[in-house]
Amino acid sequence: MNDNLGSRIEILKLIAHPARIAILEELTKGVKCVSDLEEFLDLSQSNVSQHLSSLRLAGIIDYFIDGRLRCYFLKNPMILDLLEILKKDYPEELPGPECCPVTKKGTYHGERR
């Protein structure tokens, strides 16, 4: 398997959690500290910190220190594209095939549009 594809699959697995998606969505708006995210997500500080740690270890986000605050920001540019796809509305399914492309026989059992 392509290493690049493998790392992208791992990123998809990691962000597939409602809290992590919400954190990443917030970080698209700019730098946030743990207390900002804690308020927004209605999660405990330790829970938010665990999610941030996982995202940081994967190279998706990073932080800088400002006094006593850790200020988090997005690092991986692919995340912006993924979040846009998740927001997109897909009103219809793709149409089924007319027949088998190999044998040119058979018919799709679903409805035609």
PDB file of N, CA and C in Angstrom:
ATOM      1  N   MET A   1       0.846  -1.184   0.000  1.00  0.00           N
ATOM      2  CA  MET A   1       0.000   0.000   0.000  1.00  0.00           C
ATOM      3  C   MET A   1       0.888   1.244   0.000  1.00  0.00           C
ATOM      4  N   ASN A   2       0.467   2.250  -0.689  1.00  0.00           N
ATOM      5  CA  ASN A   2       1.163   3.526  -0.743  1.00  0.00           C
ATOM      6  C   ASN A   2       1.193   4.142   0.663  1.00  0.00           C
ATOM      7  N   ASP A   3       2.394   4.537   1.126  1.00  0.00           N
ATOM      8  CA  ASP A   3       2.530   5.121   2.470  1.00  0.00           C
ATOM      9  C   ASP A   3       1.671   6.368   2.628  1.00  0.00           C
ATOM     10  N   ASN A   4       1.620   7.187   1.584  1.00  0.00           N
ATOM     11  CA  ASN A   4       0.812   8.402   1.624  1.00  0.00           C
ATOM     12  C   ASN A   4      -0.669   8.053   1.814  1.00  0.00           C
ATOM     13  N   LEU A   5      -1.142   7.054   1.074  1.00  0.00           N
ATOM     14  CA  LEU A   5      -2.532   6.620   1.213  1.00  0.00           C
ATOM     15  C   LEU A   5      -2.771   6.055   2.609  1.00  0.00           C
ATOM     16  N   GLY A   6      -1.812   5.277   3.100  1.00  0.00           N
ATOM     17  CA  GLY A   6      -1.937   4.709   4.442  1.00  0.00           C
ATOM     18  C   GLY A   6      -2.042   5.774   5.510  1.00  0.00           C
ATOM     19  N   SER A   7      -1.247   6.838   5.401  1.00  0.00           N
ATOM     20  CA  SER A   7      -1.303   7.903   6.396  1.00  0.00           C
ATOM     21  C   SER A   7      -2.620   8.677   6.285  1.00  0.00           C
ATOM     22  N   ARG A   8      -3.138   8.817   5.084  1.00  0.00           N
ATOM     23  CA  ARG A   8      -4.428   9.505   4.911  1.00  0.00           C
ATOM     24  C   ARG A   8      -5.573   8.682   5.495  1.00  0.00           C
ATOM     25  N   ILE A   9      -5.472   7.379   5.347  1.00  0.00           N
ATOM     26  CA  ILE A   9      -6.484   6.497   5.941  1.00  0.00           C
ATOM     27  C   ILE A   9      -6.454   6.625   7.461  1.00  0.00           C
ATOM     28  N   GLU A  10      -5.262   6.675   8.042  1.00  0.00           N
ATOM     29  CA  GLU A  10      -5.133   6.832   9.495  1.00  0.00           C
ATOM     30  C   GLU A  10      -5.727   8.165   9.950  1.00  0.00           C
ATOM     31  N   ILE A  11      -5.523   9.219   9.165  1.00  0.00           N
ATOM     32  CA  ILE A  11      -6.111  10.518   9.494  1.00  0.00           C
ATOM     33  C   ILE A  11      -7.630  10.432   9.475  1.00  0.00           C
ATOM     34  N   LEU A  12      -8.177   9.771   8.461  1.00  0.00           N
ATOM     35  CA  LEU A  12      -9.640   9.620   8.393  1.00  0.00           C
ATOM     36  C   LEU A  12     -10.175   8.874   9.619  1.00  0.00           C
ATOM     37  N   LYS A  13      -9.490   7.804  10.013  1.00  0.00           N
ATOM     38  CA  LYS A  13      -9.902   7.052  11.205  1.00  0.00           C
ATOM     39  C   LYS A  13      -9.866   7.940  12.444  1.00  0.00           C
ATOM     40  N   LEU A  14      -8.797   8.724  12.560  1.00  0.00           N
ATOM     41  CA  LEU A  14      -8.604   9.551  13.751  1.00  0.00           C
ATOM     42  C   LEU A  14      -9.656  10.652  13.862  1.00  0.00           C
ATOM     43  N   ILE A  15      -9.973  11.305  12.759  1.00  0.00           N
ATOM     44  CA  ILE A  15     -10.907  12.432  12.865  1.00  0.00           C
ATOM     45  C   ILE A  15     -12.367  11.996  12.880  1.00  0.00           C
ATOM     46  N   ALA A  16     -12.628  10.707  12.675  1.00  0.00           N
ATOM     47  CA  ALA A  16     -14.005  10.209  12.627  1.00  0.00           C
ATOM     48  C   ALA A  16     -14.622  10.132  14.031  1.00  0.00           C
ATOM     49  N   HIS A  17     -14.686  11.261  14.684  1.00  0.00           N
ATOM     50  CA  HIS A  17     -15.285  11.364  16.020  1.00  0.00           C
ATOM     51  C   HIS A  17     -15.946  12.739  16.091  1.00  0.00           C
ATOM     52  N   PRO A  18     -17.179  12.822  16.559  1.00  0.00           N
ATOM     53  CA  PRO A  18     -17.880  14.115  16.579  1.00  0.00           C
ATOM     54  C   PRO A  18     -17.123  15.234  17.292  1.00  0.00           C
ATOM     55  N   ALA A  19     -16.482  14.925  18.410  1.00  0.00           N
ATOM     56  CA  ALA A  19     -15.745  15.968  19.147  1.00  0.00           C
ATOM     57  C   ALA A  19     -14.544  16.439  18.349  1.00  0.00           C
ATOM     58  N   ARG A  20     -13.857  15.519  17.691  1.00  0.00           N
ATOM     59  CA  ARG A  20     -12.671  15.909  16.921  1.00  0.00           C
ATOM     60  C   ARG A  20     -13.060  16.722  15.693  1.00  0.00           C
ATOM     61  N   ILE A  21     -14.150  16.349  15.056  1.00  0.00           N
ATOM     62  CA  ILE A  21     -14.644  17.140  13.921  1.00  0.00           C
ATOM     63  C   ILE A  21     -14.985  18.552  14.406  1.00  0.00           C
ATOM     64  N   ALA A  22     -15.661  18.649  15.547  1.00  0.00           N
ATOM     65  CA  ALA A  22     -16.031  19.966  16.094  1.00  0.00           C
ATOM     66  C   ALA A  22     -14.782  20.785  16.434  1.00  0.00           C
ATOM     67  N   ILE A  23     -13.769  20.150  16.999  1.00  0.00           N
ATOM     68  CA  ILE A  23     -12.520  20.843  17.313  1.00  0.00           C
ATOM     69  C   ILE A  23     -11.883  21.374  16.029  1.00  0.00           C
ATOM     70  N   LEU A  24     -11.802  20.526  15.029  1.00  0.00           N
ATOM     71  CA  LEU A  24     -11.184  20.933  13.764  1.00  0.00           C
ATOM     72  C   LEU A  24     -11.976  22.054  13.094  1.00  0.00           C
ATOM     73  N   GLU A  25     -13.304  21.968  13.161  1.00  0.00           N
ATOM     74  CA  GLU A  25     -14.152  23.037  12.604  1.00  0.00           C
ATOM     75  C   GLU A  25     -13.849  24.361  13.306  1.00  0.00           C
ATOM     76  N   GLU A  26     -13.710  24.329  14.612  1.00  0.00           N
ATOM     77  CA  GLU A  26     -13.404  25.547  15.368  1.00  0.00           C
ATOM     78  C   GLU A  26     -12.029  26.090  14.987  1.00  0.00           C
ATOM     79  N   LEU A  27     -11.080  25.192  14.800  1.00  0.00           N
ATOM     80  CA  LEU A  27      -9.723  25.623  14.462  1.00  0.00           C
ATOM     81  C   LEU A  27      -9.630  26.207  13.054  1.00  0.00           C
ATOM     82  N   THR A  28     -10.614  25.907  12.194  1.00  0.00           N
ATOM     83  CA  THR A  28     -10.614  26.543  10.864  1.00  0.00           C
ATOM     84  C   THR A  28     -10.885  28.040  11.000  1.00  0.00           C
ATOM     85  N   LYS A  29     -11.471  28.440  12.114  1.00  0.00           N
ATOM     86  CA  LYS A  29     -11.789  29.851  12.358  1.00  0.00           C
ATOM     87  C   LYS A  29     -10.598  30.618  12.939  1.00  0.00           C
ATOM     88  N   GLY A  30      -9.576  29.871  13.379  1.00  0.00           N
ATOM     89  CA  GLY A  30      -8.394  30.513  13.948  1.00  0.00           C
ATOM     90  C   GLY A  30      -7.873  29.770  15.163  1.00  0.00           C
ATOM     91  N   VAL A  31      -6.852  30.321  15.760  1.00  0.00           N
ATOM     92  CA  VAL A  31      -6.174  29.732  16.914  1.00  0.00           C
ATOM     93  C   VAL A  31      -7.132  29.700  18.107  1.00  0.00           C
ATOM     94  N   LYS A  32      -7.123  28.582  18.833  1.00  0.00           N
ATOM     95  CA  LYS A  32      -7.959  28.429  20.030  1.00  0.00           C
ATOM     96  C   LYS A  32      -7.146  27.787  21.139  1.00  0.00           C
ATOM     97  N   CYS A  33      -7.451  28.175  22.372  1.00  0.00           N
ATOM     98  CA  CYS A  33      -6.828  27.503  23.509  1.00  0.00           C
ATOM     99  C   CYS A  33      -7.814  26.482  24.073  1.00  0.00           C
ATOM    100  N   VAL A  34      -7.352  25.646  24.973  1.00  0.00           N
ATOM    101  CA  VAL A  34      -8.177  24.566  25.517  1.00  0.00           C
ATOM    102  C   VAL A  34      -9.465  25.108  26.129  1.00  0.00           C
ATOM    103  N   SER A  35      -9.376  26.210  26.876  1.00  0.00           N
ATOM    104  CA  SER A  35     -10.580  26.754  27.528  1.00  0.00           C
ATOM    105  C   SER A  35     -11.614  27.215  26.502  1.00  0.00           C
ATOM    106  N   ASP A  36     -11.161  27.752  25.351  1.00  0.00           N
ATOM    107  CA  ASP A  36     -12.101  28.128  24.282  1.00  0.00           C
ATOM    108  C   ASP A  36     -12.855  26.904  23.789  1.00  0.00           C
ATOM    109  N   LEU A  37     -12.119  25.837  23.565  1.00  0.00           N
ATOM    110  CA  LEU A  37     -12.726  24.612  23.043  1.00  0.00           C
ATOM    111  C   LEU A  37     -13.600  23.939  24.088  1.00  0.00           C
ATOM    112  N   GLU A  38     -13.164  24.003  25.324  1.00  0.00           N
ATOM    113  CA  GLU A  38     -13.910  23.424  26.440  1.00  0.00           C
ATOM    114  C   GLU A  38     -15.310  24.040  26.515  1.00  0.00           C
ATOM    115  N   GLU A  39     -15.384  25.359  26.433  1.00  0.00           N
ATOM    116  CA  GLU A  39     -16.668  26.069  26.452  1.00  0.00           C
ATOM    117  C   GLU A  39     -17.527  25.694  25.269  1.00  0.00           C
ATOM    118  N   PHE A  40     -16.927  25.732  24.092  1.00  0.00           N
ATOM    119  CA  PHE A  40     -17.648  25.482  22.849  1.00  0.00           C
ATOM    120  C   PHE A  40     -18.203  24.063  22.788  1.00  0.00           C
ATOM    121  N   LEU A  41     -17.408  23.078  23.219  1.00  0.00           N
ATOM    122  CA  LEU A  41     -17.782  21.674  23.087  1.00  0.00           C
ATOM    123  C   LEU A  41     -18.588  21.135  24.261  1.00  0.00           C
ATOM    124  N   ASP A  42     -18.596  21.855  25.368  1.00  0.00           N
ATOM    125  CA  ASP A  42     -19.248  21.378  26.578  1.00  0.00           C
ATOM    126  C   ASP A  42     -18.664  20.019  27.009  1.00  0.00           C
ATOM    127  N   LEU A  43     -17.329  19.927  26.955  1.00  0.00           N
ATOM    128  CA  LEU A  43     -16.609  18.742  27.403  1.00  0.00           C
ATOM    129  C   LEU A  43     -15.647  19.149  28.511  1.00  0.00           C
ATOM    130  N   SER A  44     -15.210  18.174  29.304  1.00  0.00           N
ATOM    131  CA  SER A  44     -14.241  18.467  30.366  1.00  0.00           C
ATOM    132  C   SER A  44     -12.897  18.845  29.763  1.00  0.00           C
ATOM    133  N   GLN A  45     -12.096  19.548  30.544  1.00  0.00           N
ATOM    134  CA  GLN A  45     -10.769  19.958  30.099  1.00  0.00           C
ATOM    135  C   GLN A  45      -9.925  18.740  29.745  1.00  0.00           C
ATOM    136  N   SER A  46     -10.008  17.690  30.547  1.00  0.00           N
ATOM    137  CA  SER A  46      -9.193  16.502  30.277  1.00  0.00           C
ATOM    138  C   SER A  46      -9.627  15.807  28.988  1.00  0.00           C
ATOM    139  N   ASN A  47     -10.931  15.780  28.730  1.00  0.00           N
ATOM    140  CA  ASN A  47     -11.436  15.160  27.500  1.00  0.00           C
ATOM    141  C   ASN A  47     -10.983  15.953  26.272  1.00  0.00           C
ATOM    142  N   VAL A  48     -11.106  17.266  26.321  1.00  0.00           N
ATOM    143  CA  VAL A  48     -10.651  18.126  25.219  1.00  0.00           C
ATOM    144  C   VAL A  48      -9.151  17.928  25.010  1.00  0.00           C
ATOM    145  N   SER A  49      -8.391  17.904  26.087  1.00  0.00           N
ATOM    146  CA  SER A  49      -6.937  17.735  25.995  1.00  0.00           C
ATOM    147  C   SER A  49      -6.563  16.398  25.364  1.00  0.00           C
ATOM    148  N   GLN A  50      -7.306  15.345  25.681  1.00  0.00           N
ATOM    149  CA  GLN A  50      -7.036  14.030  25.077  1.00  0.00           C
ATOM    150  C   GLN A  50      -7.248  14.077  23.563  1.00  0.00           C
ATOM    151  N   HIS A  51      -8.335  14.691  23.130  1.00  0.00           N
ATOM    152  CA  HIS A  51      -8.601  14.813  21.692  1.00  0.00           C
ATOM    153  C   HIS A  51      -7.513  15.646  21.020  1.00  0.00           C
ATOM    154  N   LEU A  52      -7.138  16.756  21.635  1.00  0.00           N
ATOM    155  CA  LEU A  52      -6.088  17.615  21.074  1.00  0.00           C
ATOM    156  C   LEU A  52      -4.768  16.864  20.983  1.00  0.00           C
ATOM    157  N   SER A  53      -4.438  16.091  21.998  1.00  0.00           N
ATOM    158  CA  SER A  53      -3.196  15.321  22.008  1.00  0.00           C
ATOM    159  C   SER A  53      -3.169  14.320  20.849  1.00  0.00           C
ATOM    160  N   SER A  54      -4.280  13.615  20.627  1.00  0.00           N
ATOM    161  CA  SER A  54      -4.353  12.641  19.529  1.00  0.00           C
ATOM    162  C   SER A  54      -4.185  13.329  18.173  1.00  0.00           C
ATOM    163  N   LEU A  55      -4.855  14.460  18.006  1.00  0.00           N
ATOM    164  CA  LEU A  55      -4.764  15.203  16.747  1.00  0.00           C
ATOM    165  C   LEU A  55      -3.355  15.745  16.534  1.00  0.00           C
ATOM    166  N   ARG A  56      -2.713  16.157  17.617  1.00  0.00           N
ATOM    167  CA  ARG A  56      -1.355  16.698  17.515  1.00  0.00           C
ATOM    168  C   ARG A  56      -0.344  15.594  17.189  1.00  0.00           C
ATOM    169  N   LEU A  57      -0.462  14.453  17.839  1.00  0.00           N
ATOM    170  CA  LEU A  57       0.452  13.340  17.574  1.00  0.00           C
ATOM    171  C   LEU A  57       0.373  12.876  16.126  1.00  0.00           C
ATOM    172  N   ALA A  58      -0.793  13.034  15.502  1.00  0.00           N
ATOM    173  CA  ALA A  58      -0.986  12.643  14.099  1.00  0.00           C
ATOM    174  C   ALA A  58      -0.507  13.728  13.133  1.00  0.00           C
ATOM    175  N   GLY A  59      -0.091  14.883  13.664  1.00  0.00           N
ATOM    176  CA  GLY A  59       0.390  15.964  12.816  1.00  0.00           C
ATOM    177  C   GLY A  59      -0.712  16.782  12.169  1.00  0.00           C
ATOM    178  N   ILE A  60      -1.925  16.662  12.691  1.00  0.00           N
ATOM    179  CA  ILE A  60      -3.067  17.387  12.136  1.00  0.00           C
ATOM    180  C   ILE A  60      -3.119  18.813  12.667  1.00  0.00           C
ATOM    181  N   ILE A  61      -2.756  18.961  13.940  1.00  0.00           N
ATOM    182  CA  ILE A  61      -2.724  20.278  14.580  1.00  0.00           C
ATOM    183  C   ILE A  61      -1.390  20.439  15.298  1.00  0.00           C
ATOM    184  N   ASP A  62      -1.132  21.646  15.755  1.00  0.00           N
ATOM    185  CA  ASP A  62       0.033  21.899  16.599  1.00  0.00           C
ATOM    186  C   ASP A  62      -0.333  23.044  17.544  1.00  0.00           C
ATOM    187  N   TYR A  63       0.581  23.448  18.399  1.00  0.00           N
ATOM    188  CA  TYR A  63       0.298  24.544  19.329  1.00  0.00           C
ATOM    189  C   TYR A  63       1.548  25.371  19.563  1.00  0.00           C
ATOM    190  N   PHE A  64       1.315  26.566  20.081  1.00  0.00           N
ATOM    191  CA  PHE A  64       2.401  27.380  20.605  1.00  0.00           C
ATOM    192  C   PHE A  64       1.986  27.787  22.005  1.00  0.00           C
ATOM    193  N   ILE A  65       2.972  28.173  22.810  1.00  0.00           N
ATOM    194  CA  ILE A  65       2.682  28.543  24.195  1.00  0.00           C
ATOM    195  C   ILE A  65       2.722  30.054  24.320  1.00  0.00           C
ATOM    196  N   ASP A  66       1.660  30.583  24.920  1.00  0.00           N
ATOM    197  CA  ASP A  66       1.555  32.020  25.183  1.00  0.00           C
ATOM    198  C   ASP A  66       1.309  32.164  26.684  1.00  0.00           C
ATOM    199  N   GLY A  67       2.370  32.425  27.432  1.00  0.00           N
ATOM    200  CA  GLY A  67       2.240  32.472  28.896  1.00  0.00           C
ATOM    201  C   GLY A  67       1.916  31.086  29.417  1.00  0.00           C
ATOM    202  N   ARG A  68       0.746  30.960  30.038  1.00  0.00           N
ATOM    203  CA  ARG A  68       0.316  29.662  30.559  1.00  0.00           C
ATOM    204  C   ARG A  68      -0.620  28.926  29.607  1.00  0.00           C
ATOM    205  N   LEU A  69      -0.941  29.551  28.479  1.00  0.00           N
ATOM    206  CA  LEU A  69      -1.899  28.958  27.540  1.00  0.00           C
ATOM    207  C   LEU A  69      -1.216  28.205  26.413  1.00  0.00           C
ATOM    208  N   ARG A  70      -1.819  27.090  26.038  1.00  0.00           N
ATOM    209  CA  ARG A  70      -1.427  26.392  24.816  1.00  0.00           C
ATOM    210  C   ARG A  70      -2.437  26.806  23.756  1.00  0.00           C
ATOM    211  N   CYS A  71      -1.941  27.390  22.690  1.00  0.00           N
ATOM    212  CA  CYS A  71      -2.797  27.903  21.622  1.00  0.00           C
ATOM    213  C   CYS A  71      -2.684  26.970  20.420  1.00  0.00           C
ATOM    214  N   TYR A  72      -3.787  26.304  20.075  1.00  0.00           N
ATOM    215  CA  TYR A  72      -3.794  25.281  19.028  1.00  0.00           C
ATOM    216  C   TYR A  72      -4.200  25.863  17.679  1.00  0.00           C
ATOM    217  N   PHE A  73      -3.645  25.280  16.622  1.00  0.00           N
ATOM    218  CA  PHE A  73      -3.964  25.700  15.256  1.00  0.00           C
ATOM    219  C   PHE A  73      -3.854  24.501  14.315  1.00  0.00           C
ATOM    220  N   LEU A  74      -4.541  24.597  13.169  1.00  0.00           N
ATOM    221  CA  LEU A  74      -4.481  23.548  12.153  1.00  0.00           C
ATOM    222  C   LEU A  74      -3.112  23.537  11.498  1.00  0.00           C
ATOM    223  N   LYS A  75      -2.637  22.346  11.190  1.00  0.00           N
ATOM    224  CA  LYS A  75      -1.334  22.193  10.557  1.00  0.00           C
ATOM    225  C   LYS A  75      -1.447  21.464   9.212  1.00  0.00           C
ATOM    226  N   ASN A  76      -2.290  20.446   9.139  1.00  0.00           N
ATOM    227  CA  ASN A  76      -2.418  19.626   7.937  1.00  0.00           C
ATOM    228  C   ASN A  76      -3.446  20.247   6.991  1.00  0.00           C
ATOM    229  N   PRO A  77      -3.030  20.662   5.791  1.00  0.00           N
ATOM    230  CA  PRO A  77      -3.946  21.337   4.871  1.00  0.00           C
ATOM    231  C   PRO A  77      -5.071  20.448   4.341  1.00  0.00           C
ATOM    232  N   MET A  78      -4.878  19.138   4.375  1.00  0.00           N
ATOM    233  CA  MET A  78      -5.920  18.224   3.891  1.00  0.00           C
ATOM    234  C   MET A  78      -7.205  18.346   4.719  1.00  0.00           C
ATOM    235  N   ILE A  79      -7.067  18.729   5.973  1.00  0.00           N
ATOM    236  CA  ILE A  79      -8.222  18.820   6.874  1.00  0.00           C
ATOM    237  C   ILE A  79      -9.252  19.820   6.353  1.00  0.00           C
ATOM    238  N   LEU A  80      -8.790  20.932   5.804  1.00  0.00           N
ATOM    239  CA  LEU A  80      -9.731  21.926   5.260  1.00  0.00           C
ATOM    240  C   LEU A  80     -10.583  21.315   4.158  1.00  0.00           C
ATOM    241  N   ASP A  81      -9.977  20.535   3.275  1.00  0.00           N
ATOM    242  CA  ASP A  81     -10.723  19.877   2.198  1.00  0.00           C
ATOM    243  C   ASP A  81     -11.703  18.851   2.752  1.00  0.00           C
ATOM    244  N   LEU A  82     -11.254  18.054   3.710  1.00  0.00           N
ATOM    245  CA  LEU A  82     -12.133  17.037   4.302  1.00  0.00           C
ATOM    246  C   LEU A  82     -13.352  17.669   4.975  1.00  0.00           C
ATOM    247  N   LEU A  83     -13.138  18.741   5.702  1.00  0.00           N
ATOM    248  CA  LEU A  83     -14.252  19.404   6.383  1.00  0.00           C
ATOM    249  C   LEU A  83     -15.238  19.994   5.380  1.00  0.00           C
ATOM    250  N   GLU A  84     -14.740  20.518   4.271  1.00  0.00           N
ATOM    251  CA  GLU A  84     -15.623  21.049   3.228  1.00  0.00           C
ATOM    252  C   GLU A  84     -16.476  19.938   2.628  1.00  0.00           C
ATOM    253  N   ILE A  85     -15.883  18.784   2.401  1.00  0.00           N
ATOM    254  CA  ILE A  85     -16.634  17.642   1.860  1.00  0.00           C
ATOM    255  C   ILE A  85     -17.725  17.217   2.844  1.00  0.00           C
ATOM    256  N   LEU A  86     -17.411  17.199   4.126  1.00  0.00           N
ATOM    257  CA  LEU A  86     -18.394  16.789   5.129  1.00  0.00           C
ATOM    258  C   LEU A  86     -19.577  17.750   5.202  1.00  0.00           C
ATOM    259  N   LYS A  87     -19.346  19.027   4.882  1.00  0.00           N
ATOM    260  CA  LYS A  87     -20.423  20.024   4.920  1.00  0.00           C
ATOM    261  C   LYS A  87     -21.300  19.998   3.664  1.00  0.00           C
ATOM    262  N   LYS A  88     -20.774  19.420   2.605  1.00  0.00           N
ATOM    263  CA  LYS A  88     -21.458  19.454   1.314  1.00  0.00           C
ATOM    264  C   LYS A  88     -22.746  18.636   1.349  1.00  0.00           C
ATOM    265  N   ASP A  89     -23.758  19.142   0.689  1.00  0.00           N
ATOM    266  CA  ASP A  89     -25.044  18.455   0.612  1.00  0.00           C
ATOM    267  C   ASP A  89     -25.104  17.673  -0.703  1.00  0.00           C
ATOM    268  N   TYR A  90     -25.424  16.413  -0.610  1.00  0.00           N
ATOM    269  CA  TYR A  90     -25.568  15.554  -1.784  1.00  0.00           C
ATOM    270  C   TYR A  90     -27.038  15.131  -1.880  1.00  0.00           C
ATOM    271  N   PRO A  91     -27.836  15.856  -2.663  1.00  0.00           N
ATOM    272  CA  PRO A  91     -29.278  15.606  -2.682  1.00  0.00           C
ATOM    273  C   PRO A  91     -29.697  14.291  -3.348  1.00  0.00           C
ATOM    274  N   GLU A  92     -28.874  13.757  -4.244  1.00  0.00           N
ATOM    275  CA  GLU A  92     -29.261  12.539  -4.951  1.00  0.00           C
ATOM    276  C   GLU A  92     -28.126  11.536  -4.958  1.00  0.00           C
ATOM    277  N   GLU A  93     -28.527  10.262  -5.117  1.00  0.00           N
ATOM    278  CA  GLU A  93     -27.530   9.215  -5.307  1.00  0.00           C
ATOM    279  C   GLU A  93     -27.088   9.237  -6.771  1.00  0.00           C
ATOM    280  N   LEU A  94     -25.973   8.607  -7.042  1.00  0.00           N
ATOM    281  CA  LEU A  94     -25.539   8.448  -8.422  1.00  0.00           C
ATOM    282  C   LEU A  94     -26.469   7.453  -9.120  1.00  0.00           C
ATOM    283  N   PRO A  95     -26.742   7.633 -10.407  1.00  0.00           N
ATOM    284  CA  PRO A  95     -27.628   6.692 -11.102  1.00  0.00           C
ATOM    285  C   PRO A  95     -26.963   5.326 -11.268  1.00  0.00           C
ATOM    286  N   GLY A  96     -27.764   4.278 -11.277  1.00  0.00           N
ATOM    287  CA  GLY A  96     -27.251   2.926 -11.492  1.00  0.00           C
ATOM    288  C   GLY A  96     -26.923   2.719 -12.964  1.00  0.00           C
ATOM    289  N   PRO A  97     -26.158   1.686 -13.274  1.00  0.00           N
ATOM    290  CA  PRO A  97     -25.806   1.416 -14.667  1.00  0.00           C
ATOM    291  C   PRO A  97     -26.990   0.853 -15.447  1.00  0.00           C
ATOM    292  N   GLU A  98     -26.950   1.024 -16.761  1.00  0.00           N
ATOM    293  CA  GLU A  98     -27.996   0.458 -17.620  1.00  0.00           C
ATOM    294  C   GLU A  98     -27.882  -1.066 -17.657  1.00  0.00           C
ATOM    295  N   CYS A  99     -26.646  -1.550 -17.724  1.00  0.00           N
ATOM    296  CA  CYS A  99     -26.402  -2.997 -17.743  1.00  0.00           C
ATOM    297  C   CYS A  99     -24.962  -3.239 -17.310  1.00  0.00           C
ATOM    298  N   CYS A 100     -24.560  -4.482 -17.302  1.00  0.00           N
ATOM    299  CA  CYS A 100     -23.182  -4.827 -16.948  1.00  0.00           C
ATOM    300  C   CYS A 100     -22.245  -4.326 -18.044  1.00  0.00           C
ATOM    301  N   PRO A 101     -21.216  -3.544 -17.689  1.00  0.00           N
ATOM    302  CA  PRO A 101     -20.314  -3.015 -18.721  1.00  0.00           C
ATOM    303  C   PRO A 101     -19.463  -4.095 -19.397  1.00  0.00           C
ATOM    304  N   VAL A 102     -19.334  -5.253 -18.778  1.00  0.00           N
ATOM    305  CA  VAL A 102     -18.508  -6.322 -19.350  1.00  0.00           C
ATOM    306  C   VAL A 102     -19.323  -7.197 -20.297  1.00  0.00           C
ATOM    307  N   THR A 103     -20.454  -7.728 -19.787  1.00  0.00           N
ATOM    308  CA  THR A 103     -21.256  -8.663 -20.596  1.00  0.00           C
ATOM    309  C   THR A 103     -22.300  -7.960 -21.443  1.00  0.00           C
ATOM    310  N   LYS A 104     -22.575  -6.702 -21.125  1.00  0.00           N
ATOM    311  CA  LYS A 104     -23.627  -5.912 -21.794  1.00  0.00           C
ATOM    312  C   LYS A 104     -25.000  -6.544 -21.603  1.00  0.00           C
ATOM    313  N   LYS A 105     -25.149  -7.330 -20.524  1.00  0.00           N
ATOM    314  CA  LYS A 105     -26.424  -7.982 -20.200  1.00  0.00           C
ATOM    315  C   LYS A 105     -26.834  -7.557 -18.802  1.00  0.00           C
ATOM    316  N   GLY A 106     -27.990  -7.999 -18.404  1.00  0.00           N
ATOM    317  CA  GLY A 106     -28.484  -7.717 -17.070  1.00  0.00           C
ATOM    318  C   GLY A 106     -29.036  -6.317 -16.965  1.00  0.00           C
ATOM    319  N   THR A 107     -29.845  -6.097 -15.958  1.00  0.00           N
ATOM    320  CA  THR A 107     -30.415  -4.776 -15.747  1.00  0.00           C
ATOM    321  C   THR A 107     -30.332  -4.443 -14.274  1.00  0.00           C
ATOM    322  N   TYR A 108     -30.229  -3.169 -13.975  1.00  0.00           N
ATOM    323  CA  TYR A 108     -30.195  -2.691 -12.604  1.00  0.00           C
ATOM    324  C   TYR A 108     -31.588  -2.825 -12.010  1.00  0.00           C
ATOM    325  N   HIS A 109     -31.681  -3.352 -10.813  1.00  0.00           N
ATOM    326  CA  HIS A 109     -32.988  -3.629 -10.177  1.00  0.00           C
ATOM    327  C   HIS A 109     -33.611  -2.393  -9.507  1.00  0.00           C
ATOM    328  N   GLY A 110     -32.850  -1.322  -9.383  1.00  0.00           N
ATOM    329  CA  GLY A 110     -33.364  -0.119  -8.739  1.00  0.00           C
ATOM    330  C   GLY A 110     -34.180   0.738  -9.705  1.00  0.00           C
ATOM    331  N   GLU A 111     -34.696   1.834  -9.171  1.00  0.00           N
ATOM    332  CA  GLU A 111     -35.483   2.752  -9.997  1.00  0.00           C
ATOM    333  C   GLU A 111     -34.608   3.530 -10.944  1.00  0.00           C
ATOM    334  N   ARG A 112     -35.153   3.877 -12.080  1.00  0.00           N
ATOM    335  CA  ARG A 112     -34.473   4.744 -13.051  1.00  0.00           C
ATOM    336  C   ARG A 112     -34.901   6.165 -12.791  1.00  0.00           C
ATOM    337  N   ARG A 113     -34.010   7.113 -13.012  1.00  0.00           N
ATOM    338  CA  ARG A 113     -34.357   8.525 -12.838  1.00  0.00           C
ATOM    339  C   ARG A 113     -34.304   9.212 -14.163  1.00  0.00           C
TER     340      ARG A 113
END
